[in-house]
Amino acid sequence: MRWTPTNSIAVVTGASSGIGRCLCEMLVDRGATVVGVARRRERLVELQSRDASGCFIPVVGDITEAATRTEILAVAAQVDQGRLDLLVNNAGIGAIGPFADANEERLRRVMEVNFFAPAELMRQAIPLLRRGRAPVICNISSVLGHRAVPDKSEYCASKFALHGLSDAVRAELAREAAQDPSSQHNAIQVTLVSPSTTRSEFFDVLIDSDAAASSPSLGSWPPAKVASAAFAAIESRRSEVILSLAGKALVYADRISPPLMNAILAR
C-alpha cells in the first residue's frame, strides 16, 4: 500500500530551510496538511504566508524541549481526530573539528538535536500514527550514518544512532502489524533517507566549530533534489534509500573493504 499525500496529516521538523522547507512545500502542494516545526518564527510565518490553502500550520520551538514535542503532536492531533500519517524527523545540526579538541557540551548538543529529540518524537507520535493511513516515519539521516569520517565524530555518532534506532523500530512495528492482521492497512513504516552533502544552511550553523571550518565532499545535491528523493521514498514506503552516486560509493566501498576505506580516510 502506497502512502498518498492528499488529505494526509504530516509533521516536518527543521521546516524553516533546506530539505525541511522543500518537503513542506511539496506536501502542501499535493494536498497534505503540514505541521512545520522550527525555531525561527519569521521563516515559518513567511512560509505560511505563501500557502494560499491554509494547510501549513507553524509550530515555533526547539525540538529538544519536551514541551515543544508535546505541542507539535497536540497541534497535529487537532486536525482530524488524533490521526497522523507522516512524521519527518529532519532537524539537525553539526560540528567540525577533531574529537580530542572538542568538549562534552558539543557532543551532548549534537546528540540531543540529531538523536534524542527525534527518538522521543517518534515514541510520542506512534499512537497517532497507528490511526493514520499507510503511516510513515521518515528519518533524514546521512551517508555518515553508514560510514564515519574524520572531524565529524559527533555528527557521525548521532546519525549512526538514528540509523540503528530506525532499523530496530521498523522491525518492532512490522512484528506488531504481523501479530494483528486487522491493522495491516495502518501498519507504520520507518523510512531512512541518507543523503550525502546537501547545499543548504547546514554549514552556517555549525556549533563549537572554527568559523573557517570546511568539510571535503565527493559531491552535493540541492535541498529540493534531496526532498524529492525523500518524498518518493515516503510514497513507496521504502525502508532505506542512499542518495547520490558519491554517497553510494562511500557506503558500498566501506562494506566491501573497510580496511581500505580506513586507510583512505586517515590520509
Protein backbone atom coordinates (compact mmCIF):
# COMPACT_ATOMS: atom_id res chain seq x y z
CA MET A 1 0.00 0.00 0.00
CA ARG A 2 1.45 3.36 -1.05
CA TRP A 3 1.44 6.49 1.06
CA THR A 4 -0.58 9.30 -0.51
CA PRO A 5 -0.26 13.00 0.39
CA THR A 6 -3.84 14.01 -0.45
CA ASN A 7 -5.75 14.75 2.77
CA SER A 8 -2.87 13.41 4.84
CA ILE A 9 -1.54 14.97 8.04
CA ALA A 10 2.22 15.41 8.32
CA VAL A 11 4.74 16.75 10.81
CA VAL A 12 8.05 18.05 9.47
CA THR A 13 10.83 19.28 11.76
CA GLY A 14 13.53 21.64 10.57
CA ALA A 15 10.90 23.28 8.36
CA SER A 16 12.41 26.74 8.08
CA SER A 17 15.05 25.98 5.44
CA GLY A 18 16.70 23.39 3.23
CA ILE A 19 15.26 19.90 2.92
CA GLY A 20 12.54 20.52 5.50
CA ARG A 21 11.21 23.62 3.81
CA CYS A 22 11.18 21.92 0.41
CA LEU A 23 9.32 18.93 1.84
CA CYS A 24 6.73 21.18 3.44
CA GLU A 25 6.10 22.92 0.12
CA MET A 26 5.84 19.61 -1.75
CA LEU A 27 3.43 18.13 0.76
CA VAL A 28 1.15 21.18 0.88
CA ASP A 29 1.16 21.45 -2.92
CA ARG A 30 -0.04 17.84 -3.08
CA GLY A 31 -2.91 18.27 -0.66
CA ALA A 32 -1.43 17.49 2.75
CA THR A 33 -1.90 19.42 5.97
CA VAL A 34 1.58 20.06 7.34
CA VAL A 35 2.65 20.97 10.86
CA GLY A 36 6.01 22.62 10.22
CA VAL A 37 8.39 22.96 13.16
CA ALA A 38 11.43 25.22 13.57
CA ARG A 39 12.95 27.74 15.96
CA ARG A 40 12.92 30.68 13.53
CA ARG A 41 9.44 32.19 13.74
CA GLU A 42 9.94 34.63 10.86
CA ARG A 43 10.84 31.80 8.47
CA LEU A 44 7.73 29.82 9.40
CA VAL A 45 5.50 32.89 9.12
CA GLU A 46 6.92 33.59 5.67
CA LEU A 47 6.31 30.00 4.61
CA GLN A 48 2.76 30.18 5.97
CA SER A 49 2.10 33.40 4.05
CA ARG A 50 2.97 31.63 0.79
CA ASP A 51 0.38 28.92 1.45
CA ALA A 52 -2.94 30.01 -0.03
CA SER A 53 -4.62 26.76 1.00
CA GLY A 54 -4.18 27.34 4.73
CA CYS A 55 -2.78 23.83 5.11
CA PHE A 56 0.55 24.85 6.62
CA ILE A 57 0.47 25.08 10.43
CA PRO A 58 3.60 26.53 12.06
CA VAL A 59 4.91 25.46 15.45
CA VAL A 60 7.79 27.56 16.76
CA GLY A 61 10.07 25.81 19.21
CA ASP A 62 13.16 23.77 19.98
CA ILE A 63 12.56 20.05 19.44
CA THR A 64 14.98 19.18 22.23
CA GLU A 65 12.42 20.58 24.69
CA ALA A 66 9.72 18.17 25.85
CA ALA A 67 7.10 20.94 25.84
CA THR A 68 7.74 21.64 22.16
CA ARG A 69 7.36 17.97 21.23
CA THR A 70 4.11 17.78 23.17
CA GLU A 71 2.82 20.89 21.41
CA ILE A 72 3.73 19.53 17.97
CA LEU A 73 1.66 16.40 18.44
CA ALA A 74 -1.19 18.22 20.16
CA VAL A 75 -1.48 20.55 17.16
CA ALA A 76 -1.34 17.62 14.72
CA ALA A 77 -3.93 15.68 16.70
CA GLN A 78 -6.44 18.54 16.39
CA VAL A 79 -6.51 18.37 12.59
CA ASP A 80 -8.52 15.16 12.22
CA GLN A 81 -9.49 13.14 15.29
CA GLY A 82 -5.98 12.43 16.52
CA ARG A 83 -4.52 10.75 13.47
CA LEU A 84 -1.10 11.33 11.93
CA ASP A 85 0.03 9.95 8.57
CA LEU A 86 3.63 11.14 8.34
CA LEU A 87 6.40 12.20 10.71
CA VAL A 88 9.57 13.59 9.12
CA ASN A 89 12.48 13.95 11.52
CA ASN A 90 14.63 16.36 9.55
CA ALA A 91 16.00 18.93 12.01
CA GLY A 92 19.71 18.56 12.62
CA ILE A 93 22.96 20.29 13.50
CA GLY A 94 26.63 19.51 13.02
CA ALA A 95 30.11 20.32 14.19
CA ILE A 96 33.52 20.11 12.55
CA GLY A 97 36.84 19.52 14.25
CA PRO A 98 38.88 16.79 15.95
CA PHE A 99 37.08 14.94 18.73
CA ALA A 100 40.05 15.30 21.10
CA ASP A 101 39.95 19.10 20.79
CA ALA A 102 36.22 19.42 21.49
CA ASN A 103 34.24 19.15 24.71
CA GLU A 104 31.36 17.25 26.24
CA GLU A 105 28.90 20.06 25.56
CA ARG A 106 29.43 19.80 21.79
CA LEU A 107 28.80 16.06 21.83
CA ARG A 108 25.71 16.35 24.01
CA ARG A 109 24.19 19.16 21.94
CA VAL A 110 24.61 17.28 18.65
CA MET A 111 23.19 14.11 20.16
CA GLU A 112 20.23 15.96 21.70
CA VAL A 113 19.18 17.52 18.38
CA ASN A 114 20.08 14.73 15.98
CA PHE A 115 19.16 11.68 18.05
CA PHE A 116 17.38 12.10 21.38
CA ALA A 117 14.79 14.63 20.15
CA PRO A 118 13.74 12.65 17.05
CA ALA A 119 13.75 9.43 19.07
CA GLU A 120 11.34 10.86 21.64
CA LEU A 121 9.18 12.48 18.96
CA MET A 122 8.91 9.07 17.27
CA ARG A 123 7.92 7.42 20.54
CA GLN A 124 5.25 10.03 21.29
CA ALA A 125 3.92 10.03 17.72
CA ILE A 126 3.39 6.27 17.39
CA PRO A 127 -0.11 6.26 18.98
CA LEU A 128 -1.23 8.94 16.48
CA LEU A 129 0.47 7.15 13.58
CA ARG A 130 -1.35 3.93 14.45
CA ARG A 131 -4.55 5.78 13.49
CA GLY A 132 -3.06 7.03 10.23
CA ARG A 133 -3.39 5.79 6.66
CA ALA A 134 -0.34 3.83 5.47
CA PRO A 135 1.62 5.87 8.04
CA VAL A 136 5.33 6.58 7.66
CA ILE A 137 8.11 7.78 9.94
CA CYS A 138 10.82 9.28 7.72
CA ASN A 139 14.16 9.90 9.42
CA ILE A 140 16.54 12.10 7.46
CA SER A 141 19.93 10.65 8.28
CA SER A 142 23.20 10.76 6.29
CA VAL A 143 25.66 8.54 4.47
CA LEU A 144 27.81 9.35 7.52
CA GLY A 145 25.40 7.18 9.47
CA HIS A 146 26.81 4.27 7.45
CA ARG A 147 30.49 5.24 7.24
CA ALA A 148 32.13 7.65 9.69
CA VAL A 149 34.76 10.17 8.58
CA PRO A 150 37.33 12.28 10.46
CA ASP A 151 36.47 15.63 12.04
CA LYS A 152 32.72 14.91 12.19
CA SER A 153 32.80 12.43 15.05
CA GLU A 154 29.79 13.77 16.96
CA TYR A 155 27.66 14.13 13.82
CA CYS A 156 28.58 10.63 12.64
CA ALA A 157 27.78 9.18 16.07
CA SER A 158 24.34 10.82 16.07
CA LYS A 159 23.50 9.54 12.59
CA PHE A 160 24.74 6.02 13.35
CA ALA A 161 22.45 6.08 16.39
CA LEU A 162 19.47 7.27 14.31
CA HIS A 163 20.21 4.58 11.73
CA GLY A 164 20.26 1.86 14.39
CA LEU A 165 17.10 3.11 16.06
CA SER A 166 15.29 3.26 12.72
CA ASP A 167 16.20 -0.34 11.90
CA ALA A 168 15.12 -1.58 15.34
CA VAL A 169 11.82 0.32 15.47
CA ARG A 170 10.99 -0.72 11.89
CA ALA A 171 11.34 -4.37 12.90
CA GLU A 172 9.30 -3.87 16.06
CA LEU A 173 6.46 -2.16 14.19
CA ALA A 174 6.49 -4.82 11.45
CA ARG A 175 6.22 -7.52 14.13
CA GLU A 176 3.34 -5.65 15.74
CA ALA A 177 1.48 -5.49 12.43
CA ALA A 178 2.10 -9.18 11.73
CA GLN A 179 0.58 -10.11 15.07
CA ASP A 180 -2.59 -8.13 14.30
CA PRO A 181 -3.65 -8.67 10.65
CA SER A 182 -6.55 -6.24 11.07
CA SER A 183 -4.01 -3.40 11.43
CA GLN A 184 -2.22 -4.07 8.13
CA HIS A 185 -3.79 -1.02 6.46
CA ASN A 186 -2.26 1.30 9.06
CA ALA A 187 0.99 -0.53 9.80
CA ILE A 188 3.72 2.04 10.40
CA GLN A 189 6.70 2.03 8.05
CA VAL A 190 10.06 3.54 9.06
CA THR A 191 11.95 5.06 6.12
CA LEU A 192 15.60 6.04 6.49
CA VAL A 193 16.88 8.60 3.96
CA SER A 194 20.66 9.01 3.78
CA PRO A 195 21.84 11.98 1.70
CA SER A 196 25.44 12.96 1.21
CA THR A 197 26.30 16.67 1.37
CA THR A 198 23.29 18.93 0.83
CA ARG A 199 23.70 22.52 -0.36
CA SER A 200 21.82 24.19 2.49
CA GLU A 201 22.39 26.38 5.54
CA PHE A 202 23.79 23.41 7.48
CA PHE A 203 27.36 24.72 7.43
CA ASP A 204 26.20 28.18 8.51
CA VAL A 205 25.05 26.89 11.90
CA LEU A 206 27.88 24.60 12.99
CA ILE A 207 28.31 24.56 16.77
CA ASP A 208 31.61 24.95 18.60
CA SER A 209 33.50 24.89 15.31
CA ASP A 210 36.09 27.15 13.74
CA ALA A 211 34.43 29.87 11.66
CA ALA A 212 36.56 28.84 8.70
CA ALA A 213 35.81 25.13 9.13
CA SER A 214 35.10 23.26 5.92
CA SER A 215 34.47 19.68 5.00
CA PRO A 216 35.58 17.87 1.84
CA SER A 217 32.76 16.35 -0.16
CA LEU A 218 32.59 13.96 -3.09
CA GLY A 219 29.51 15.75 -4.40
CA SER A 220 26.39 17.51 -3.24
CA TRP A 221 22.72 17.83 -4.06
CA PRO A 222 20.48 20.89 -3.72
CA PRO A 223 17.85 20.55 -0.98
CA ALA A 224 14.97 20.35 -3.47
CA LYS A 225 16.52 17.27 -5.09
CA VAL A 226 17.03 15.60 -1.71
CA ALA A 227 13.46 16.45 -0.73
CA SER A 228 12.12 14.97 -3.99
CA ALA A 229 14.03 11.74 -3.39
CA ALA A 230 12.79 11.61 0.20
CA PHE A 231 9.22 12.25 -0.95
CA ALA A 232 9.46 9.37 -3.44
CA ALA A 233 10.80 7.07 -0.72
CA ILE A 234 7.91 8.06 1.57
CA GLU A 235 5.29 7.46 -1.14
CA SER A 236 6.65 3.99 -1.90
CA ARG A 237 7.20 3.31 1.83
CA ARG A 238 10.78 2.24 1.27
CA SER A 239 12.82 1.02 4.23
CA GLU A 240 16.00 2.84 3.23
CA VAL A 241 17.46 4.94 0.44
CA ILE A 242 21.04 6.15 0.00
CA LEU A 243 21.22 9.23 -2.21
CA SER A 244 23.81 10.34 -4.81
CA LEU A 245 26.43 8.29 -6.59
CA ALA A 246 29.13 9.67 -4.30
CA GLY A 247 27.17 8.68 -1.22
CA LYS A 248 26.56 5.19 -2.54
CA ALA A 249 30.23 4.85 -3.46
CA LEU A 250 31.30 5.75 0.08
CA VAL A 251 28.85 3.35 1.71
CA TYR A 252 29.34 0.37 -0.58
CA ALA A 253 33.11 0.72 -0.77
CA ASP A 254 33.18 0.57 3.01
CA ARG A 255 31.01 -2.56 3.01
CA ILE A 256 33.34 -4.23 0.51
CA SER A 257 36.63 -3.27 2.16
CA PRO A 258 36.56 -1.41 5.49
CA PRO A 259 40.37 -1.56 5.88
CA LEU A 260 40.82 0.17 2.52
CA MET A 261 38.39 2.93 3.47
CA ASN A 262 40.11 3.32 6.84
CA ALA A 263 43.42 3.87 5.07
CA ILE A 264 41.96 6.34 2.56
CA LEU A 265 40.14 8.42 5.19
CA ALA A 266 43.16 8.50 7.51
CA ARG A 267 45.19 10.41 4.91
